[in-house]
Structures are given as C-alpha cells and as structure tokens.
C-alpha atoms as a PDB file:
ATOM      1  CA  MET A   1     148.459 162.130 198.801  1.00  0.00           C
ATOM      2  CA  PHE A   2     149.261 159.911 195.862  1.00  0.00           C
ATOM      3  CA  PRO A   3     151.189 161.343 192.791  1.00  0.00           C
ATOM      4  CA  ALA A   4     148.877 162.852 190.096  1.00  0.00           C
ATOM      5  CA  LEU A   5     150.039 160.192 187.600  1.00  0.00           C
ATOM      6  CA  VAL A   6     149.113 157.338 189.868  1.00  0.00           C
ATOM      7  CA  ARG A   7     145.684 158.795 190.483  1.00  0.00           C
ATOM      8  CA  LYS A   8     145.223 159.431 186.829  1.00  0.00           C
ATOM      9  CA  THR A   9     146.262 155.653 185.943  1.00  0.00           C
ATOM     10  CA  TRP A  10     143.727 154.360 188.619  1.00  0.00           C
ATOM     11  CA  LEU A  11     141.044 156.545 187.083  1.00  0.00           C
ATOM     12  CA  ASP A  12     141.856 155.547 183.483  1.00  0.00           C
ATOM     13  CA  ASP A  13     141.577 151.830 184.469  1.00  0.00           C
ATOM     14  CA  ARG A  14     138.799 151.938 186.914  1.00  0.00           C
ATOM     15  CA  ARG A  15     136.184 150.315 184.731  1.00  0.00           C
ATOM     16  CA  ALA A  16     138.595 147.422 183.837  1.00  0.00           C
ATOM     17  CA  LEU A  17     139.465 147.088 187.496  1.00  0.00           C
ATOM     18  CA  ILE A  18     135.934 146.840 188.727  1.00  0.00           C
ATOM     19  CA  GLY A  19     135.151 144.252 186.021  1.00  0.00           C
ATOM     20  CA  TRP A  20     138.106 142.146 186.852  1.00  0.00           C
ATOM     21  CA  ALA A  21     137.571 142.368 190.702  1.00  0.00           C
ATOM     22  CA  THR A  22     133.808 141.434 190.292  1.00  0.00           C
ATOM     23  CA  GLY A  23     134.731 138.531 188.124  1.00  0.00           C
ATOM     24  CA  VAL A  24     137.411 137.124 190.365  1.00  0.00           C
ATOM     25  CA  ALA A  25     135.216 137.565 193.348  1.00  0.00           C
ATOM     26  CA  LEU A  26     132.259 135.783 191.838  1.00  0.00           C
ATOM     27  CA  PHE A  27     134.382 132.900 190.689  1.00  0.00           C
ATOM     28  CA  THR A  28     135.918 132.467 194.088  1.00  0.00           C
ATOM     29  CA  VAL A  29     132.609 132.574 196.099  1.00  0.00           C
ATOM     30  CA  VAL A  30     130.550 130.554 193.649  1.00  0.00           C
ATOM     31  CA  TYR A  31     133.178 127.726 193.389  1.00  0.00           C
ATOM     32  CA  THR A  32     133.848 127.617 197.094  1.00  0.00           C
ATOM     33  CA  SER A  33     130.187 127.718 198.148  1.00  0.00           C
ATOM     34  CA  PHE A  34     129.610 124.560 195.909  1.00  0.00           C
ATOM     35  CA  TYR A  35     131.971 122.555 198.216  1.00  0.00           C
ATOM     36  CA  SER A  36     129.148 121.091 200.362  1.00  0.00           C
ATOM     37  CA  GLN A  37     127.093 120.083 197.291  1.00  0.00           C
ATOM     38  CA  PHE A  38     130.119 118.735 195.641  1.00  0.00           C
ATOM     39  CA  GLN A  39     130.779 116.355 198.573  1.00  0.00           C
ATOM     40  CA  GLY A  40     127.380 114.534 197.781  1.00  0.00           C
ATOM     41  CA  ALA A  41     128.727 113.523 194.424  1.00  0.00           C
ATOM     42  CA  ALA A  42     132.375 113.512 195.122  1.00  0.00           C
ATOM     43  CA  GLU A  43     133.043 109.773 194.307  1.00  0.00           C
ATOM     44  CA  LEU A  44     131.358 110.418 190.850  1.00  0.00           C
ATOM     45  CA  LYS A  45     133.359 113.557 190.246  1.00  0.00           C
ATOM     46  CA  GLN A  46     136.619 111.955 191.248  1.00  0.00           C
ATOM     47  CA  ALA A  47     135.913 108.948 188.951  1.00  0.00           C
ATOM     48  CA  ALA A  48     134.898 111.347 186.085  1.00  0.00           C
ATOM     49  CA  LEU A  49     138.522 112.706 185.751  1.00  0.00           C
ATOM     50  CA  PRO A  50     141.279 110.455 184.510  1.00  0.00           C
ATOM     51  CA  GLN A  51     144.174 110.064 186.715  1.00  0.00           C
ATOM     52  CA  GLY A  52     146.288 111.474 184.050  1.00  0.00           C
ATOM     53  CA  MET A  53     144.395 114.680 183.845  1.00  0.00           C
ATOM     54  CA  LEU A  54     144.553 115.021 187.644  1.00  0.00           C
ATOM     55  CA  ASP A  55     148.321 114.511 187.452  1.00  0.00           C
ATOM     56  CA  PHE A  56     148.598 117.193 184.678  1.00  0.00           C
ATOM     57  CA  LEU A  57     146.669 119.500 186.777  1.00  0.00           C
ATOM     58  CA  GLY A  58     148.898 118.861 189.800  1.00  0.00           C
ATOM     59  CA  ILE A  59     145.732 117.585 191.756  1.00  0.00           C
ATOM     60  CA  ALA A  60     146.266 114.782 194.204  1.00  0.00           C
ATOM     61  CA  ASP A  61     142.491 114.226 194.778  1.00  0.00           C
ATOM     62  CA  MET A  62     139.192 116.182 194.634  1.00  0.00           C
ATOM     63  CA  LEU A  63     137.717 114.886 197.792  1.00  0.00           C
ATOM     64  CA  SER A  64     139.611 116.760 200.429  1.00  0.00           C
ATOM     65  CA  PRO A  65     139.171 120.464 201.135  1.00  0.00           C
ATOM     66  CA  ALA A  66     142.827 121.080 200.021  1.00  0.00           C
ATOM     67  CA  GLY A  67     142.215 119.045 196.854  1.00  0.00           C
ATOM     68  CA  TYR A  68     138.901 120.732 196.064  1.00  0.00           C
ATOM     69  CA  LEU A  69     140.408 124.251 196.602  1.00  0.00           C
ATOM     70  CA  GLN A  70     143.361 123.390 194.385  1.00  0.00           C
ATOM     71  CA  ALA A  71     141.230 121.894 191.633  1.00  0.00           C
ATOM     72  CA  THR A  72     138.735 124.746 191.510  1.00  0.00           C
ATOM     73  CA  ILE A  73     140.601 127.935 192.742  1.00  0.00           C
ATOM     74  CA  PHE A  74     144.343 127.478 192.506  1.00  0.00           C
ATOM     75  CA  SER A  75     145.135 124.986 189.710  1.00  0.00           C
ATOM     76  CA  LEU A  76     144.249 126.664 186.456  1.00  0.00           C
ATOM     77  CA  THR A  77     141.140 128.850 186.205  1.00  0.00           C
ATOM     78  CA  GLY A  78     141.848 131.108 189.092  1.00  0.00           C
ATOM     79  CA  PRO A  79     145.489 131.799 188.189  1.00  0.00           C
ATOM     80  CA  LEU A  80     144.347 132.247 184.624  1.00  0.00           C
ATOM     81  CA  LEU A  81     141.967 134.860 185.710  1.00  0.00           C
ATOM     82  CA  VAL A  82     144.260 137.014 187.625  1.00  0.00           C
ATOM     83  CA  LEU A  83     147.223 136.626 185.254  1.00  0.00           C
ATOM     84  CA  MET A  84     144.995 137.809 182.309  1.00  0.00           C
ATOM     85  CA  CYS A  85     144.022 140.704 184.469  1.00  0.00           C
ATOM     86  CA  ALA A  86     147.782 141.512 185.343  1.00  0.00           C
ATOM     87  CA  ILE A  87     148.901 141.079 181.807  1.00  0.00           C
ATOM     88  CA  THR A  88     146.085 143.175 180.257  1.00  0.00           C
ATOM     89  CA  LEU A  89     146.541 145.946 182.663  1.00  0.00           C
ATOM     90  CA  THR A  90     150.349 145.988 182.716  1.00  0.00           C
ATOM     91  CA  ALA A  91     150.351 146.160 178.910  1.00  0.00           C
ATOM     92  CA  ARG A  92     148.738 149.582 179.237  1.00  0.00           C
ATOM     93  CA  THR A  93     151.411 151.167 181.382  1.00  0.00           C
ATOM     94  CA  ILE A  94     153.820 151.898 178.597  1.00  0.00           C
ATOM     95  CA  ALA A  95     152.588 150.260 175.323  1.00  0.00           C
ATOM     96  CA  ARG A  96     149.214 151.894 175.251  1.00  0.00           C
ATOM     97  CA  PRO A  97     150.300 155.652 175.427  1.00  0.00           C
ATOM     98  CA  GLU A  98     152.941 154.889 172.975  1.00  0.00           C
ATOM     99  CA  GLU A  99     150.319 153.357 170.435  1.00  0.00           C
ATOM    100  CA  ASP A 100     147.627 155.936 170.979  1.00  0.00           C
ATOM    101  CA  GLY A 101     150.112 158.910 170.624  1.00  0.00           C
ATOM    102  CA  SER A 102     149.677 160.221 174.251  1.00  0.00           C
ATOM    103  CA  MET A 103     153.075 159.440 175.362  1.00  0.00           C
ATOM    104  CA  GLU A 104     154.660 162.670 174.236  1.00  0.00           C
ATOM    105  CA  LEU A 105     151.989 164.622 176.211  1.00  0.00           C
ATOM    106  CA  LEU A 106     152.572 162.580 179.370  1.00  0.00           C
ATOM    107  CA  LEU A 107     156.226 162.896 179.225  1.00  0.00           C
ATOM    108  CA  ALA A 108     156.007 166.647 178.652  1.00  0.00           C
ATOM    109  CA  ASN A 109     155.100 166.782 182.323  1.00  0.00           C
ATOM    110  CA  PRO A 110     157.918 167.670 184.758  1.00  0.00           C
ATOM    111  CA  LEU A 111     158.754 164.005 185.449  1.00  0.00           C
ATOM    112  CA  SER A 112     161.865 162.047 184.474  1.00  0.00           C
ATOM    113  CA  ARG A 113     161.279 158.867 182.451  1.00  0.00           C
ATOM    114  CA  VAL A 114     162.287 156.823 185.416  1.00  0.00           C
ATOM    115  CA  ALA A 115     159.706 158.646 187.657  1.00  0.00           C
ATOM    116  CA  PHE A 116     157.105 158.352 184.988  1.00  0.00           C
ATOM    117  CA  ALA A 117     157.521 154.471 184.508  1.00  0.00           C
ATOM    118  CA  ALA A 118     157.906 153.819 188.256  1.00  0.00           C
ATOM    119  CA  GLN A 119     154.621 155.772 188.931  1.00  0.00           C
ATOM    120  CA  ARG A 120     152.683 154.036 186.137  1.00  0.00           C
ATOM    121  CA  LEU A 121     154.044 150.676 187.429  1.00  0.00           C
ATOM    122  CA  ALA A 122     153.233 151.447 191.069  1.00  0.00           C
ATOM    123  CA  ALA A 123     149.738 152.428 190.086  1.00  0.00           C
ATOM    124  CA  THR A 124     149.088 149.348 188.041  1.00  0.00           C
ATOM    125  CA  GLY A 125     150.893 147.030 190.269  1.00  0.00           C
ATOM    126  CA  SER A 126     148.866 148.192 193.539  1.00  0.00           C
ATOM    127  CA  ALA A 127     145.598 147.604 191.552  1.00  0.00           C
ATOM    128  CA  ILE A 128     146.677 144.286 190.391  1.00  0.00           C
ATOM    129  CA  THR A 129     147.480 143.355 193.800  1.00  0.00           C
ATOM    130  CA  VAL A 130     143.985 144.282 195.084  1.00  0.00           C
ATOM    131  CA  VAL A 131     142.460 142.038 192.384  1.00  0.00           C
ATOM    132  CA  ALA A 132     144.931 139.086 193.112  1.00  0.00           C
ATOM    133  CA  ALA A 133     144.230 139.399 196.786  1.00  0.00           C
ATOM    134  CA  ILE A 134     140.429 138.955 196.512  1.00  0.00           C
ATOM    135  CA  PRO A 135     140.516 135.129 196.480  1.00  0.00           C
ATOM    136  CA  LEU A 136     142.606 135.188 199.626  1.00  0.00           C
ATOM    137  CA  ILE A 137     140.330 137.629 201.560  1.00  0.00           C
ATOM    138  CA  LEU A 138     137.040 135.902 200.362  1.00  0.00           C
ATOM    139  CA  LEU A 139     138.410 132.246 201.116  1.00  0.00           C
ATOM    140  CA  MET A 140     139.307 133.328 204.697  1.00  0.00           C
ATOM    141  CA  ILE A 141     135.635 134.229 205.114  1.00  0.00           C
ATOM    142  CA  VAL A 142     133.961 131.541 202.957  1.00  0.00           C
ATOM    143  CA  VAL A 143     136.022 128.452 203.937  1.00  0.00           C
ATOM    144  CA  PRO A 144     134.943 128.276 207.469  1.00  0.00           C
ATOM    145  CA  ARG A 145     131.334 129.048 206.609  1.00  0.00           C
ATOM    146  CA  VAL A 146     130.997 126.031 204.149  1.00  0.00           C
ATOM    147  CA  GLY A 147     132.572 123.656 206.700  1.00  0.00           C
ATOM    148  CA  MET A 148     136.078 122.859 204.932  1.00  0.00           C
ATOM    149  CA  ALA A 149     138.374 121.165 207.407  1.00  0.00           C
ATOM    150  CA  ILE A 150     141.591 122.947 206.244  1.00  0.00           C
ATOM    151  CA  SER A 151     144.057 125.322 208.065  1.00  0.00           C
ATOM    152  CA  LEU A 152     143.415 128.697 207.385  1.00  0.00           C
ATOM    153  CA  SER A 153     147.089 129.414 207.547  1.00  0.00           C
ATOM    154  CA  HIS A 154     147.479 127.002 204.587  1.00  0.00           C
ATOM    155  CA  VAL A 155     144.826 128.852 202.618  1.00  0.00           C
ATOM    156  CA  ALA A 156     146.545 132.074 203.368  1.00  0.00           C
ATOM    157  CA  ALA A 157     149.831 130.494 202.035  1.00  0.00           C
ATOM    158  CA  ALA A 158     148.238 129.563 198.739  1.00  0.00           C
ATOM    159  CA  GLY A 159     146.600 132.960 198.502  1.00  0.00           C
ATOM    160  CA  VAL A 160     149.768 134.854 199.100  1.00  0.00           C
ATOM    161  CA  GLY A 161     151.459 132.567 196.490  1.00  0.00           C
ATOM    162  CA  LEU A 162     148.849 133.688 194.016  1.00  0.00           C
ATOM    163  CA  ILE A 163     149.772 137.316 194.714  1.00  0.00           C
ATOM    164  CA  ALA A 164     153.416 136.511 194.434  1.00  0.00           C
ATOM    165  CA  LEU A 165     152.834 134.743 190.920  1.00  0.00           C
ATOM    166  CA  VAL A 166     150.965 137.902 189.797  1.00  0.00           C
ATOM    167  CA  TRP A 167     153.727 140.064 190.946  1.00  0.00           C
ATOM    168  CA  CYS A 168     156.269 137.934 188.909  1.00  0.00           C
ATOM    169  CA  PHE A 169     154.304 138.162 185.692  1.00  0.00           C
ATOM    170  CA  THR A 170     153.567 141.735 186.281  1.00  0.00           C
ATOM    171  CA  GLY A 171     157.303 142.497 186.302  1.00  0.00           C
ATOM    172  CA  ILE A 172     157.859 140.420 183.186  1.00  0.00           C
ATOM    173  CA  THR A 173     155.087 141.982 181.282  1.00  0.00           C
ATOM    174  CA  PHE A 174     156.232 145.539 182.189  1.00  0.00           C
ATOM    175  CA  LEU A 175     159.717 144.562 181.014  1.00  0.00           C
ATOM    176  CA  VAL A 176     158.324 143.418 177.616  1.00  0.00           C
ATOM    177  CA  GLY A 177     156.291 146.634 177.312  1.00  0.00           C
ATOM    178  CA  ALA A 178     158.998 148.852 178.201  1.00  0.00           C
ATOM    179  CA  ALA A 179     161.367 147.248 175.736  1.00  0.00           C
ATOM    180  CA  SER A 180     158.926 147.049 172.773  1.00  0.00           C
ATOM    181  CA  GLY A 181     156.258 149.724 173.243  1.00  0.00           C
ATOM    182  CA  ALA A 182     153.684 147.340 171.570  1.00  0.00           C
ATOM    183  CA  ARG A 183     150.681 145.923 173.270  1.00  0.00           C
ATOM    184  CA  GLY A 184     150.490 143.050 170.645  1.00  0.00           C
ATOM    185  CA  THR A 185     154.099 142.195 171.406  1.00  0.00           C
ATOM    186  CA  VAL A 186     153.411 142.267 175.081  1.00  0.00           C
ATOM    187  CA  MET A 187     150.250 140.125 174.995  1.00  0.00           C
ATOM    188  CA  ALA A 188     151.796 137.495 172.621  1.00  0.00           C
ATOM    189  CA  VAL A 189     155.152 137.216 174.636  1.00  0.00           C
ATOM    190  CA  THR A 190     153.750 137.056 178.136  1.00  0.00           C
ATOM    191  CA  GLY A 191     150.914 134.810 176.994  1.00  0.00           C
ATOM    192  CA  VAL A 192     153.067 132.285 175.375  1.00  0.00           C
ATOM    193  CA  LEU A 193     155.414 132.450 178.408  1.00  0.00           C
ATOM    194  CA  ALA A 194     152.581 131.845 180.803  1.00  0.00           C
ATOM    195  CA  VAL A 195     151.291 128.800 178.890  1.00  0.00           C
ATOM    196  CA  THR A 196     154.836 127.470 178.245  1.00  0.00           C
ATOM    197  CA  THR A 197     155.829 127.785 181.904  1.00  0.00           C
ATOM    198  CA  TYR A 198     152.498 126.171 183.031  1.00  0.00           C
ATOM    199  CA  LEU A 199     153.080 123.281 180.790  1.00  0.00           C
ATOM    200  CA  ALA A 200     156.759 123.111 182.017  1.00  0.00           C
ATOM    201  CA  ASN A 201     155.364 122.603 185.607  1.00  0.00           C
ATOM    202  CA  ALA A 202     152.904 120.101 184.598  1.00  0.00           C
ATOM    203  CA  ILE A 203     155.122 118.093 182.338  1.00  0.00           C
ATOM    204  CA  GLY A 204     157.785 118.101 184.997  1.00  0.00           C
ATOM    205  CA  GLY A 205     155.400 116.906 187.676  1.00  0.00           C
ATOM    206  CA  MET A 206     154.293 113.800 185.557  1.00  0.00           C
ATOM    207  CA  SER A 207     157.671 112.736 184.138  1.00  0.00           C
ATOM    208  CA  ASP A 208     160.644 111.850 186.333  1.00  0.00           C
ATOM    209  CA  GLY A 209     163.023 112.487 183.469  1.00  0.00           C
ATOM    210  CA  TRP A 210     161.707 116.100 183.130  1.00  0.00           C
ATOM    211  CA  GLN A 211     161.478 117.267 186.703  1.00  0.00           C
ATOM    212  CA  TRP A 212     164.113 119.851 186.173  1.00  0.00           C
ATOM    213  CA  LEU A 213     161.572 121.713 183.914  1.00  0.00           C
ATOM    214  CA  ARG A 214     159.586 122.459 187.029  1.00  0.00           C
ATOM    215  CA  TRP A 215     162.388 124.768 188.569  1.00  0.00           C
ATOM    216  CA  LEU A 216     162.137 126.914 185.330  1.00  0.00           C
ATOM    217  CA  SER A 217     158.407 127.551 185.917  1.00  0.00           C
ATOM    218  CA  PRO A 218     156.859 130.288 188.178  1.00  0.00           C
ATOM    219  CA  PHE A 219     153.950 128.062 188.687  1.00  0.00           C
ATOM    220  CA  HIS A 220     156.136 125.560 190.593  1.00  0.00           C
ATOM    221  CA  TYR A 221     157.073 128.133 193.140  1.00  0.00           C
ATOM    222  CA  PHE A 222     153.471 129.191 193.445  1.00  0.00           C
ATOM    223  CA  ILE A 223     151.576 125.826 193.675  1.00  0.00           C
ATOM    224  CA  GLY A 224     154.240 123.105 193.206  1.00  0.00           C
ATOM    225  CA  THR A 225     155.005 123.075 196.838  1.00  0.00           C
ATOM    226  CA  ASP A 226     151.444 122.103 197.570  1.00  0.00           C
ATOM    227  CA  PRO A 227     150.879 124.982 200.079  1.00  0.00           C
ATOM    228  CA  LEU A 228     147.252 124.037 200.767  1.00  0.00           C
ATOM    229  CA  ARG A 229     148.617 120.902 202.551  1.00  0.00           C
ATOM    230  CA  THR A 230     152.170 121.846 203.451  1.00  0.00           C
ATOM    231  CA  GLY A 231     151.708 125.507 204.261  1.00  0.00           C
ATOM    232  CA  TRP A 232     154.190 128.421 203.873  1.00  0.00           C
ATOM    233  CA  HIS A 233     157.388 128.083 201.772  1.00  0.00           C
ATOM    234  CA  PRO A 234     159.018 131.574 202.056  1.00  0.00           C
ATOM    235  CA  ALA A 235     162.026 130.864 199.775  1.00  0.00           C
ATOM    236  CA  GLN A 236     159.550 130.006 196.823  1.00  0.00           C
ATOM    237  CA  LEU A 237     157.477 132.991 197.464  1.00  0.00           C
ATOM    238  CA  LEU A 238     160.475 135.410 197.807  1.00  0.00           C
ATOM    239  CA  THR A 239     161.879 133.821 194.371  1.00  0.00           C
ATOM    240  CA  LEU A 240     158.684 134.910 192.639  1.00  0.00           C
ATOM    241  CA  VAL A 241     158.702 138.410 194.250  1.00  0.00           C
ATOM    242  CA  ALA A 242     162.481 138.751 193.298  1.00  0.00           C
ATOM    243  CA  VAL A 243     161.835 137.757 189.555  1.00  0.00           C
ATOM    244  CA  GLY A 244     159.066 140.530 189.397  1.00  0.00           C
ATOM    245  CA  ALA A 245     161.223 143.160 191.105  1.00  0.00           C
ATOM    246  CA  VAL A 246     164.287 142.479 188.998  1.00  0.00           C
ATOM    247  CA  THR A 247     162.330 142.357 185.569  1.00  0.00           C
ATOM    248  CA  ALA A 248     160.482 145.573 186.584  1.00  0.00           C
ATOM    249  CA  ALA A 249     163.680 147.298 187.479  1.00  0.00           C
ATOM    250  CA  VAL A 250     165.168 146.220 184.042  1.00  0.00           C
ATOM    251  CA  GLY A 251     162.094 147.505 182.384  1.00  0.00           C
ATOM    252  CA  VAL A 252     162.464 150.876 183.883  1.00  0.00           C
ATOM    253  CA  PHE A 253     166.156 150.849 182.969  1.00  0.00           C
ATOM    254  CA  LEU A 254     165.244 150.048 179.357  1.00  0.00           C
ATOM    255  CA  PHE A 255     162.468 152.465 178.979  1.00  0.00           C
ATOM    256  CA  ASP A 256     164.636 155.298 180.274  1.00  0.00           C
ATOM    257  CA  ARG A 257     167.217 154.726 177.466  1.00  0.00           C
ATOM    258  CA  ARG A 258     164.832 153.881 174.645  1.00  0.00           C
ATOM    259  CA  ASP A 259     163.756 156.223 171.794  1.00  0.00           C
ATOM    260  CA  VAL A 260     160.161 156.652 172.283  1.00  0.00           C
ATOM    261  CA  GLY A 261     159.815 159.430 169.753  1.00  0.00           C
ATOM    262  CA  VAL A 262     160.006 162.362 171.916  1.00  0.00           C
END
C-alpha cells in the first residue's frame, strides 16, 4: 500500500498525467509509423534540410532508421515534450501548495518535512517516469512492425537515456522549487537551463573550439553518445541519474530548513 500523500499526489495530477501520456504516445506512434512513407521521399527530405541544421540537431542523416528516429523522436521534440511534462509536474510538488496556501494544511499531518518532500517527489517522479518510458515501450513494439532495420537494444539504450535525462531535470526542478517555493521561478530557471544546455551541446558538437561545452550539458550524456548507433553507455546514464539524485536530495535538505510560513 502506498502512503496516503503519494496516492493524493497521483490523484491530484491524474488529468495532467493522462494528457501528457496521451500526447507523448500519439507523437511517438505517429512519427514512427510514417517511416515507410518517409522513405519514398527520403532523398528530397534529406536535401530539404541544410547540413548546418542537421549538425545543429546532432543528426548524421535522416535516411537510416537510426537517423530517422534521432531526428523525429530523440533529437528535439521528443525530449522537449517529456521535459515539459517533468518540469510542469515537479513544479507542483512544493511550489504549488505554497502558492495556493495549502502547505500549512499538508504539513499539519503527522509527517516530518523530509518525509513530506520525499513522498511528494516519489509520487511525481514515478508518474513522470511512466510518461518518459512511453516512447521506449511503444518503439519496442512499433519499430519491428514498420520494418526498421535497427537493433532493439540500441533503441532501448536511447529510450532509457531519455528516462535518465528526465530524472536529471526532475531533480534539478525539485531543487529549485524546494529552494524558492515559487512556480514562476521554477519554470523560468529550469526552462532557461534546459534551453541553454541544449544549445551548449549543439554548439559544442559543431565547433572544435567549443567541444568542452558538451560535457556541461545533460543532453550530451543522453544523446551525444549516439546510442541509436553505438548502443549502451552506462557511465553517461549513471551521470544523469546521479545529478538527479543529488539535486533532489539537496532539495529535500533545503526544504527541511527553509521557512515556509508555518
């Protein structure tokens, strides 16, 4: 049996979760299912995108199954969708009850602040993980059906990388929310951080003199190793998980010591 606060968090967020899950599922299935039709105009599609744009997005080509999946699912839109879900839902764990005045009521329950923060984070983190795992689950089903000649192990590596990326940003978002108690601040800081680190990875991949920037970006550890072609990179995945875990722990620590008006 799950703790009452975990169940309440899931219940409060159920509509948003259903919406995000549906959107991510439709996005994954629609784009992957278009692969066979895309191949008919592949040369035209490849020529339509300047090489500079392909380099910026980190896409070697759009003709191979690995290149197509990276271009459509794992390069920009897919991560953007799941990160928006993670940031939006995680911003609710601490900041929303502080802003709507329900924090005092929630903390009146026989729970320590640490237990409160941990249970809220566990509920939201598990829900976000389910949403982030949808591309992985669906691709394992759809990829063989549409005739993509790509190792399912490599597809799984990219899918797990997306989950690890989401865990990383969930921890960061929770830390900002626990420290500030303001959803506007959470959305602004994490949104800017996501865009900045994405650009750092892209610029680092395009310019020899700026390659060091990639090591500062979570996106490099997610997709910079090209898992759709090279497979599993445990050290990079563990780096993302470690960043998420450490920032989440720091967030719990700060929330336990911050004055929230109770």
